[in-house]
Amino acid sequence: MFKVLIIAYYFPPMGLSGVQRILKFVKYLPQNNWQPTVITSAETGYFAHDPELLKEVDKSVQIIRVKGNELNAKLSAFGTIKMPGEMTRKLINRINQFFYIPDNKVSWAKKALIEARKLLLNEQFDLIFVTAPPFSAFQLGAKLKKEFKIPLAIDYRDLWYGNQFSKYLTPYHAYKHKKLEYRVLKEADKIFVTNRRIKEYQMETYKFLDSNDIVIVPHGYDPADFDIAPVIKKKNNKMILTYTGSFYEFITPKYLLKAFALLKKEKKEIADNIDLYFVGAQTKELRKLTVKYGLEDNVKDFGYLTHIESVAKIKSSDVLWLMVGKGKNDDTISSGKLFEYFGSRKPVLACLPEGALKSYAKQYGATYLTDPDNIEYIKELLLKLYADYQANSFPVPSEEYIEKFRRDFLTEQLAKELQFMVKNN
């Protein structure tokens, strides 16, 4: 067995989508001749917790939990906390971005560095694997690589410099982020990203990188989750359209709900036969918009559910919906929920800008595509979906394409790349 030290701030019992990628890697790596040890955060105040996810981690996996002085750690006594309103969230985010570079997890990264050093002095590891955000974890990995001369792999779930949610409040902030990322990339032996557009962006930004330096391992779905999750029997014959996840920044239910309100005004008899399900930790925005557009009878907000409960909702739906609004570098976004939707084989209403995510959605083969803010066309697609639902004529997705995104297959690809790194070191 090869031994890999994995550094991941976000890890179960934390919930939400940020933990799924690394959790599934840790789950399936032992089956591919890699034994992981994980350094992660200690108890945190966070928007969602799902202790059931830890059952997927083999008992042989050592998990070392480190408590820093970051805000999440200070709120740990409160356990699961409410998602703040969008204005409050943005304000907190801007304050953090002004005072902390690269992010507000720097105190955790410093303490995790101490624990990692202890571990590396006492055990032999073949490789260090770091996933981000937070990008302070990348800095931690680079320091360990320099000190212990162990191959370093870094895994981007999102962009660092140029991130779609970052607002560089001064030129110095932009300069500093780019300089720090440059240093990390110089140390990394292999870079993993979730889509081709991130790979292209990195090569455009940092000219010393070439195609062989960066490997695409997309998000995926775990067939085991779909085997376990039950199908919930319908109480009526209404079409169920479901969204899983949270809303923030330019990811909003506004345009869908506007389109649905328009549909209800023009064809109430159809709108009354469609239920809109929302599963995830939400701010007050969803409730406010629901009331504003008079959709209380159509919208069902289930709040945060465990991952398996969320998959059960996906399996029990007729149509799945996702959106990404138009923003900075929106073409690099690779939302994990789309790939979870793939695992259901259900039709997907995808409201997306041009970019990596739209490209993946097109190839699925059962996607109803539109721009994210085209309210009139979203309404027309809702009508088309309902007609196809009534006629039992939804398009069938490409099974060959879906199989590419199985988490066990993706982890096998990752394991092979890691093994090449060790052999070539």
Foldseek 3Di string as FASTA:
>chain_A
DAEEEEEEADDAQFDADRHVQVLLLQLQVVVQVYAYEYEYADQFAEQDGFNVSCVSHDPSHHYHHFYFDFNRSVCRVVHHDADADQVVVLVVQVVQLVPDVPGRCLRRLVRSLVVVVVVVVPDPHQEYEYEDDVCSVLVSQLVCCVVVVHAYEYEYLADRQQTQSDDQPDVVSNVVSLVSVLSSLVRHQAYEYAFDVSVVVVCVSHVVDDPVRYHHQHFAAALVLVVPAAADDDPDQAAEEEEEEEAHDQFDCQLVLLLLLVLCVVPVVNSLRYAYEYEERYYCRVVVSCVVSVPPNRYDYPYYDHPSNVLNVLLNHQEYEGEGADTGPQQRNRDNVVNSNLSNQHAYEYAYDHHGNVVLQVQQFQYDYHHNNPNNVSNVVSVVSSVCSVVVNGTGTDPVSSVSRHSSNSSSVVSVVSVVSSVVD
